[in-house]
Amino acid sequence: MSSRDPGLAELAPWCAREGLELTETQILRLSKYLESLRFWSGKVALLGRGESARLSDKHLPDCLFAAARCAESGRFADLGSGAGLPGIPVAIARPGATVELVEARGKKASFLADATRDVGNAKVVNCRIEDLQRTYDLALARALAPLPRLLELARPTLEAGGKLLAMKSAAYADELAECDLGRSGFELVEPAEYELPSGEPRVLLILVAV
């Protein structure tokens, strides 16, 4: 197992303040994931320019905030998983859940398969979201699509009562104003606003399928 990533030194205390207790084993698994992500980013376009340096203070804590609001168990889908954010951190933080990483692009699916070799509760599903033939207890999405389109994509993946966790910037209000939640088949439970360790404001929209 890889050594602890030096950028994660303050992450466990921050997570604890946000309601998620991480074990040393989980931190080491997250470190190994970051190591794999940095390596593959040199081969496949997984992250934007300069974003590799922001993994431990922006991207990873953003995903772990969402993980803290996931149930301990259940069947989860990371829609348009891409670089595995948030699905792989959620799978590591919630070992009692099954997390399916839904990714249509073959090269990114190959990365996800490599990055989850030691994450037994994560499974790569190499297909388009529209082609999924199953439903989930919970779906997560980060940087996938504007909210109206995201709701359209996510609703068929959830049974009534299932949750969608949509990770957005602090400027989410404009996207939310464009949505007809009732017609989309969702109710908004809450916009959970928070700050990353970097101080950047973020919001997690928690919606329930009706």
C-alpha atoms as a PDB file:
ATOM      1  CA  MET A   1       0.000   0.000   0.000  1.00  0.00           C
ATOM      2  CA  SER A   2       1.264   3.490  -0.783  1.00  0.00           C
ATOM      3  CA  SER A   3       2.425   5.870   1.923  1.00  0.00           C
ATOM      4  CA  ARG A   4       0.245   8.724   3.116  1.00  0.00           C
ATOM      5  CA  ASP A   5       0.043  11.598   0.625  1.00  0.00           C
ATOM      6  CA  PRO A   6       1.597  14.676   2.335  1.00  0.00           C
ATOM      7  CA  GLY A   7      -1.275  16.806   1.057  1.00  0.00           C
ATOM      8  CA  LEU A   8      -3.714  14.824   3.204  1.00  0.00           C
ATOM      9  CA  ALA A   9      -2.183  15.854   6.540  1.00  0.00           C
ATOM     10  CA  GLU A  10      -5.077  18.147   7.457  1.00  0.00           C
ATOM     11  CA  LEU A  11      -7.813  16.281   5.644  1.00  0.00           C
ATOM     12  CA  ALA A  12      -8.861  13.862   8.400  1.00  0.00           C
ATOM     13  CA  PRO A  13      -9.502  16.656  10.963  1.00  0.00           C
ATOM     14  CA  TRP A  14     -11.438  18.664   8.365  1.00  0.00           C
ATOM     15  CA  CYS A  15     -13.531  15.599   7.506  1.00  0.00           C
ATOM     16  CA  ALA A  16     -14.202  14.943  11.182  1.00  0.00           C
ATOM     17  CA  ARG A  17     -15.532  18.487  11.544  1.00  0.00           C
ATOM     18  CA  GLU A  18     -17.812  17.823   8.572  1.00  0.00           C
ATOM     19  CA  GLY A  19     -19.125  14.569  10.051  1.00  0.00           C
ATOM     20  CA  LEU A  20     -16.884  11.931   8.446  1.00  0.00           C
ATOM     21  CA  GLU A  21     -14.361   9.941  10.481  1.00  0.00           C
ATOM     22  CA  LEU A  22     -11.586   8.451   8.341  1.00  0.00           C
ATOM     23  CA  THR A  23      -9.398   5.572   9.486  1.00  0.00           C
ATOM     24  CA  GLU A  24      -5.697   5.389   8.714  1.00  0.00           C
ATOM     25  CA  THR A  25      -6.435   2.586   6.235  1.00  0.00           C
ATOM     26  CA  GLN A  26      -8.944   4.784   4.409  1.00  0.00           C
ATOM     27  CA  ILE A  27      -6.469   7.673   4.265  1.00  0.00           C
ATOM     28  CA  LEU A  28      -3.846   5.361   2.781  1.00  0.00           C
ATOM     29  CA  ARG A  29      -6.323   4.129   0.181  1.00  0.00           C
ATOM     30  CA  LEU A  30      -7.182   7.709  -0.719  1.00  0.00           C
ATOM     31  CA  SER A  31      -3.449   8.403  -1.048  1.00  0.00           C
ATOM     32  CA  LYS A  32      -3.068   5.463  -3.409  1.00  0.00           C
ATOM     33  CA  TYR A  33      -5.992   6.727  -5.477  1.00  0.00           C
ATOM     34  CA  LEU A  34      -4.431  10.194  -5.775  1.00  0.00           C
ATOM     35  CA  GLU A  35      -1.143   8.584  -6.809  1.00  0.00           C
ATOM     36  CA  SER A  36      -2.902   6.628  -9.562  1.00  0.00           C
ATOM     37  CA  LEU A  37      -4.858   9.691 -10.684  1.00  0.00           C
ATOM     38  CA  ARG A  38      -1.724  11.812 -11.015  1.00  0.00           C
ATOM     39  CA  PHE A  39       0.029   9.053 -12.952  1.00  0.00           C
ATOM     40  CA  TRP A  40      -2.838   8.484 -15.388  1.00  0.00           C
ATOM     41  CA  SER A  41      -3.423  12.208 -15.882  1.00  0.00           C
ATOM     42  CA  GLY A  42      -0.217  12.218 -17.908  1.00  0.00           C
ATOM     43  CA  LYS A  43      -1.801   9.772 -20.349  1.00  0.00           C
ATOM     44  CA  VAL A  44      -5.528  10.542 -20.317  1.00  0.00           C
ATOM     45  CA  ALA A  45      -7.296  13.912 -19.981  1.00  0.00           C
ATOM     46  CA  LEU A  46      -8.704  13.338 -16.497  1.00  0.00           C
ATOM     47  CA  LEU A  47      -8.200  16.766 -14.932  1.00  0.00           C
ATOM     48  CA  GLY A  48      -8.072  20.327 -16.164  1.00  0.00           C
ATOM     49  CA  ARG A  49      -4.772  22.149 -16.491  1.00  0.00           C
ATOM     50  CA  GLY A  50      -3.266  22.839 -13.072  1.00  0.00           C
ATOM     51  CA  GLU A  51      -5.945  20.856 -11.249  1.00  0.00           C
ATOM     52  CA  SER A  52      -3.594  18.032 -10.262  1.00  0.00           C
ATOM     53  CA  ALA A  53      -2.103  20.360  -7.656  1.00  0.00           C
ATOM     54  CA  ARG A  54      -5.569  20.935  -6.173  1.00  0.00           C
ATOM     55  CA  LEU A  55      -6.479  17.310  -5.487  1.00  0.00           C
ATOM     56  CA  SER A  56      -5.954  17.270  -1.723  1.00  0.00           C
ATOM     57  CA  ASP A  57      -7.264  20.744  -0.873  1.00  0.00           C
ATOM     58  CA  LYS A  58     -10.139  21.012  -3.367  1.00  0.00           C
ATOM     59  CA  HIS A  59     -11.277  17.936  -5.309  1.00  0.00           C
ATOM     60  CA  LEU A  60     -10.877  15.248  -2.654  1.00  0.00           C
ATOM     61  CA  PRO A  61     -12.424  17.134   0.291  1.00  0.00           C
ATOM     62  CA  ASP A  62     -15.296  18.189  -1.970  1.00  0.00           C
ATOM     63  CA  CYS A  63     -16.032  14.509  -2.599  1.00  0.00           C
ATOM     64  CA  LEU A  64     -15.620  13.520   1.040  1.00  0.00           C
ATOM     65  CA  PHE A  65     -18.143  16.157   2.114  1.00  0.00           C
ATOM     66  CA  ALA A  66     -20.618  14.337  -0.127  1.00  0.00           C
ATOM     67  CA  ALA A  67     -19.511  10.980   1.297  1.00  0.00           C
ATOM     68  CA  ALA A  68     -20.383  12.203   4.791  1.00  0.00           C
ATOM     69  CA  ARG A  69     -23.970  12.642   3.586  1.00  0.00           C
ATOM     70  CA  CYS A  70     -24.229   9.185   2.040  1.00  0.00           C
ATOM     71  CA  ALA A  71     -25.759   6.246   3.880  1.00  0.00           C
ATOM     72  CA  GLU A  72     -23.439   3.598   5.327  1.00  0.00           C
ATOM     73  CA  SER A  73     -24.771   1.062   2.832  1.00  0.00           C
ATOM     74  CA  GLY A  74     -26.813   0.832  -0.355  1.00  0.00           C
ATOM     75  CA  ARG A  75     -26.328   0.858  -4.104  1.00  0.00           C
ATOM     76  CA  PHE A  76     -24.808   4.111  -5.363  1.00  0.00           C
ATOM     77  CA  ALA A  77     -24.019   5.407  -8.848  1.00  0.00           C
ATOM     78  CA  ASP A  78     -21.387   7.986  -9.738  1.00  0.00           C
ATOM     79  CA  LEU A  79     -22.838   9.406 -12.952  1.00  0.00           C
ATOM     80  CA  GLY A  80     -20.196  10.357 -15.534  1.00  0.00           C
ATOM     81  CA  SER A  81     -17.430   9.288 -13.187  1.00  0.00           C
ATOM     82  CA  GLY A  82     -14.507  10.467 -15.343  1.00  0.00           C
ATOM     83  CA  ALA A  83     -11.580  10.760 -12.949  1.00  0.00           C
ATOM     84  CA  GLY A  84     -13.467   8.870 -10.247  1.00  0.00           C
ATOM     85  CA  LEU A  85     -14.591  12.002  -8.440  1.00  0.00           C
ATOM     86  CA  PRO A  86     -16.669  11.573  -6.335  1.00  0.00           C
ATOM     87  CA  GLY A  87     -17.270   7.821  -6.740  1.00  0.00           C
ATOM     88  CA  ILE A  88     -13.919   6.417  -5.653  1.00  0.00           C
ATOM     89  CA  PRO A  89     -13.558   8.569  -2.504  1.00  0.00           C
ATOM     90  CA  VAL A  90     -17.176   7.725  -1.629  1.00  0.00           C
ATOM     91  CA  ALA A  91     -16.491   3.998  -2.060  1.00  0.00           C
ATOM     92  CA  ILE A  92     -13.426   4.251   0.185  1.00  0.00           C
ATOM     93  CA  ALA A  93     -15.272   6.271   2.826  1.00  0.00           C
ATOM     94  CA  ARG A  94     -18.399   4.064   2.718  1.00  0.00           C
ATOM     95  CA  PRO A  95     -17.103   0.455   2.468  1.00  0.00           C
ATOM     96  CA  GLY A  96     -20.556  -0.951   3.252  1.00  0.00           C
ATOM     97  CA  ALA A  97     -21.998   0.518   0.036  1.00  0.00           C
ATOM     98  CA  THR A  98     -21.662  -0.716  -3.531  1.00  0.00           C
ATOM     99  CA  VAL A  99     -20.569   2.166  -5.769  1.00  0.00           C
ATOM    100  CA  GLU A 100     -20.886   1.832  -9.545  1.00  0.00           C
ATOM    101  CA  LEU A 101     -18.722   4.227 -11.570  1.00  0.00           C
ATOM    102  CA  VAL A 102     -20.678   4.980 -14.744  1.00  0.00           C
ATOM    103  CA  GLU A 103     -18.379   6.163 -17.522  1.00  0.00           C
ATOM    104  CA  ALA A 104     -18.976   5.990 -21.284  1.00  0.00           C
ATOM    105  CA  ARG A 105     -15.452   6.766 -22.494  1.00  0.00           C
ATOM    106  CA  GLY A 106     -13.218   3.726 -22.788  1.00  0.00           C
ATOM    107  CA  LYS A 107      -9.907   5.308 -21.744  1.00  0.00           C
ATOM    108  CA  LYS A 108     -11.421   6.806 -18.620  1.00  0.00           C
ATOM    109  CA  ALA A 109     -13.141   3.521 -17.818  1.00  0.00           C
ATOM    110  CA  SER A 110      -9.720   1.838 -18.086  1.00  0.00           C
ATOM    111  CA  PHE A 111      -8.296   4.318 -15.585  1.00  0.00           C
ATOM    112  CA  LEU A 112     -11.194   3.691 -13.209  1.00  0.00           C
ATOM    113  CA  ALA A 113     -10.640  -0.069 -13.411  1.00  0.00           C
ATOM    114  CA  ASP A 114      -6.968   0.396 -12.549  1.00  0.00           C
ATOM    115  CA  ALA A 115      -7.659   2.870  -9.734  1.00  0.00           C
ATOM    116  CA  THR A 116     -10.207   0.579  -8.040  1.00  0.00           C
ATOM    117  CA  ARG A 117      -8.258  -2.697  -8.067  1.00  0.00           C
ATOM    118  CA  ASP A 118      -7.993  -2.509  -4.271  1.00  0.00           C
ATOM    119  CA  VAL A 119     -11.413  -0.936  -3.697  1.00  0.00           C
ATOM    120  CA  GLY A 120     -13.608  -4.010  -3.595  1.00  0.00           C
ATOM    121  CA  ASN A 121     -16.944  -2.214  -3.309  1.00  0.00           C
ATOM    122  CA  ALA A 122     -16.404  -0.095  -6.460  1.00  0.00           C
ATOM    123  CA  LYS A 123     -17.429  -1.391  -9.900  1.00  0.00           C
ATOM    124  CA  VAL A 124     -16.837   0.237 -13.292  1.00  0.00           C
ATOM    125  CA  VAL A 125     -19.840   0.374 -15.636  1.00  0.00           C
ATOM    126  CA  ASN A 126     -18.626   1.335 -19.106  1.00  0.00           C
ATOM    127  CA  CYS A 127     -21.769   2.755 -20.727  1.00  0.00           C
ATOM    128  CA  ARG A 128     -23.754   5.934 -21.267  1.00  0.00           C
ATOM    129  CA  ILE A 129     -25.955   7.057 -18.395  1.00  0.00           C
ATOM    130  CA  GLU A 130     -28.964   6.877 -20.733  1.00  0.00           C
ATOM    131  CA  ASP A 131     -28.240   3.187 -21.366  1.00  0.00           C
ATOM    132  CA  LEU A 132     -28.227   2.058 -17.740  1.00  0.00           C
ATOM    133  CA  GLN A 133     -30.589  -0.851 -17.164  1.00  0.00           C
ATOM    134  CA  ARG A 134     -30.774  -0.597 -13.376  1.00  0.00           C
ATOM    135  CA  THR A 135     -31.737   1.792 -10.600  1.00  0.00           C
ATOM    136  CA  TYR A 136     -29.930   2.913  -7.462  1.00  0.00           C
ATOM    137  CA  ASP A 137     -30.596   4.097  -3.937  1.00  0.00           C
ATOM    138  CA  LEU A 138     -28.425   7.136  -4.499  1.00  0.00           C
ATOM    139  CA  ALA A 139     -26.781   8.899  -7.436  1.00  0.00           C
ATOM    140  CA  LEU A 140     -23.926  11.381  -7.281  1.00  0.00           C
ATOM    141  CA  ALA A 141     -22.689  13.817  -9.909  1.00  0.00           C
ATOM    142  CA  ARG A 142     -19.865  16.346  -9.985  1.00  0.00           C
ATOM    143  CA  ALA A 143     -19.125  18.659 -12.920  1.00  0.00           C
ATOM    144  CA  LEU A 144     -21.295  16.530 -15.182  1.00  0.00           C
ATOM    145  CA  ALA A 145     -23.916  18.891 -16.610  1.00  0.00           C
ATOM    146  CA  PRO A 146     -26.001  21.993 -15.813  1.00  0.00           C
ATOM    147  CA  LEU A 147     -28.641  21.145 -13.234  1.00  0.00           C
ATOM    148  CA  PRO A 148     -31.666  20.926 -15.593  1.00  0.00           C
ATOM    149  CA  ARG A 149     -29.843  18.378 -17.767  1.00  0.00           C
ATOM    150  CA  LEU A 150     -28.466  16.560 -14.736  1.00  0.00           C
ATOM    151  CA  LEU A 151     -31.960  16.051 -13.329  1.00  0.00           C
ATOM    152  CA  GLU A 152     -33.087  14.676 -16.686  1.00  0.00           C
ATOM    153  CA  LEU A 153     -30.188  12.208 -16.733  1.00  0.00           C
ATOM    154  CA  ALA A 154     -30.447  11.180 -13.100  1.00  0.00           C
ATOM    155  CA  ARG A 155     -34.185  10.637 -12.630  1.00  0.00           C
ATOM    156  CA  PRO A 156     -34.393   7.306 -14.561  1.00  0.00           C
ATOM    157  CA  THR A 157     -31.540   5.931 -12.425  1.00  0.00           C
ATOM    158  CA  LEU A 158     -33.498   6.317  -9.172  1.00  0.00           C
ATOM    159  CA  GLU A 159     -36.554   4.690  -7.675  1.00  0.00           C
ATOM    160  CA  ALA A 160     -39.023   6.968  -5.887  1.00  0.00           C
ATOM    161  CA  GLY A 161     -37.392   7.987  -2.623  1.00  0.00           C
ATOM    162  CA  GLY A 162     -33.872   7.666  -4.030  1.00  0.00           C
ATOM    163  CA  LYS A 163     -31.500  10.586  -3.534  1.00  0.00           C
ATOM    164  CA  LEU A 164     -29.429  12.649  -5.925  1.00  0.00           C
ATOM    165  CA  LEU A 165     -26.384  14.474  -4.543  1.00  0.00           C
ATOM    166  CA  ALA A 166     -25.399  17.192  -7.006  1.00  0.00           C
ATOM    167  CA  MET A 167     -22.088  18.905  -6.301  1.00  0.00           C
ATOM    168  CA  LYS A 168     -22.070  22.523  -7.421  1.00  0.00           C
ATOM    169  CA  SER A 169     -20.226  25.815  -7.027  1.00  0.00           C
ATOM    170  CA  ALA A 170     -21.548  28.583  -4.806  1.00  0.00           C
ATOM    171  CA  ALA A 171     -23.222  30.093  -7.892  1.00  0.00           C
ATOM    172  CA  TYR A 172     -25.794  27.294  -7.995  1.00  0.00           C
ATOM    173  CA  ALA A 173     -28.850  29.536  -7.600  1.00  0.00           C
ATOM    174  CA  ASP A 174     -29.035  30.453 -11.283  1.00  0.00           C
ATOM    175  CA  GLU A 175     -29.021  26.782 -12.314  1.00  0.00           C
ATOM    176  CA  LEU A 176     -31.640  25.950  -9.706  1.00  0.00           C
ATOM    177  CA  ALA A 177     -33.867  28.785 -10.933  1.00  0.00           C
ATOM    178  CA  GLU A 178     -33.893  27.210 -14.402  1.00  0.00           C
ATOM    179  CA  CYS A 179     -35.297  23.920 -13.063  1.00  0.00           C
ATOM    180  CA  ASP A 180     -38.893  22.822 -12.779  1.00  0.00           C
ATOM    181  CA  LEU A 181     -38.277  20.380  -9.972  1.00  0.00           C
ATOM    182  CA  GLY A 182     -41.800  18.964  -9.956  1.00  0.00           C
ATOM    183  CA  ARG A 183     -41.736  18.234 -13.665  1.00  0.00           C
ATOM    184  CA  SER A 184     -38.222  16.793 -13.311  1.00  0.00           C
ATOM    185  CA  GLY A 185     -39.437  14.365 -10.651  1.00  0.00           C
ATOM    186  CA  PHE A 186     -37.440  15.734  -7.713  1.00  0.00           C
ATOM    187  CA  GLU A 187     -37.897  17.598  -4.469  1.00  0.00           C
ATOM    188  CA  LEU A 188     -35.050  19.671  -3.034  1.00  0.00           C
ATOM    189  CA  VAL A 189     -34.249  18.573   0.521  1.00  0.00           C
ATOM    190  CA  GLU A 190     -31.537  21.136   1.169  1.00  0.00           C
ATOM    191  CA  PRO A 191     -28.658  23.051  -0.347  1.00  0.00           C
ATOM    192  CA  ALA A 192     -25.807  22.172   2.034  1.00  0.00           C
ATOM    193  CA  GLU A 193     -23.357  25.066   1.786  1.00  0.00           C
ATOM    194  CA  TYR A 194     -19.804  24.660   3.063  1.00  0.00           C
ATOM    195  CA  GLU A 195     -16.186  25.727   2.591  1.00  0.00           C
ATOM    196  CA  LEU A 196     -13.325  23.554   1.392  1.00  0.00           C
ATOM    197  CA  PRO A 197     -10.027  23.585   3.329  1.00  0.00           C
ATOM    198  CA  SER A 198      -8.841  26.118   0.716  1.00  0.00           C
ATOM    199  CA  GLY A 199     -11.680  28.437   1.767  1.00  0.00           C
ATOM    200  CA  GLU A 200     -13.529  28.004  -1.525  1.00  0.00           C
ATOM    201  CA  PRO A 201     -17.323  28.017  -1.060  1.00  0.00           C
ATOM    202  CA  ARG A 202     -19.233  25.013  -2.407  1.00  0.00           C
ATOM    203  CA  VAL A 203     -22.729  23.566  -2.193  1.00  0.00           C
ATOM    204  CA  LEU A 204     -24.129  20.054  -2.195  1.00  0.00           C
ATOM    205  CA  LEU A 205     -27.694  19.933  -3.506  1.00  0.00           C
ATOM    206  CA  ILE A 206     -29.580  17.036  -1.923  1.00  0.00           C
ATOM    207  CA  LEU A 207     -32.683  16.059  -3.906  1.00  0.00           C
ATOM    208  CA  VAL A 208     -35.164  13.213  -3.508  1.00  0.00           C
ATOM    209  CA  ALA A 209     -36.836  11.475  -6.459  1.00  0.00           C
ATOM    210  CA  VAL A 210     -40.630  11.507  -6.261  1.00  0.00           C
END
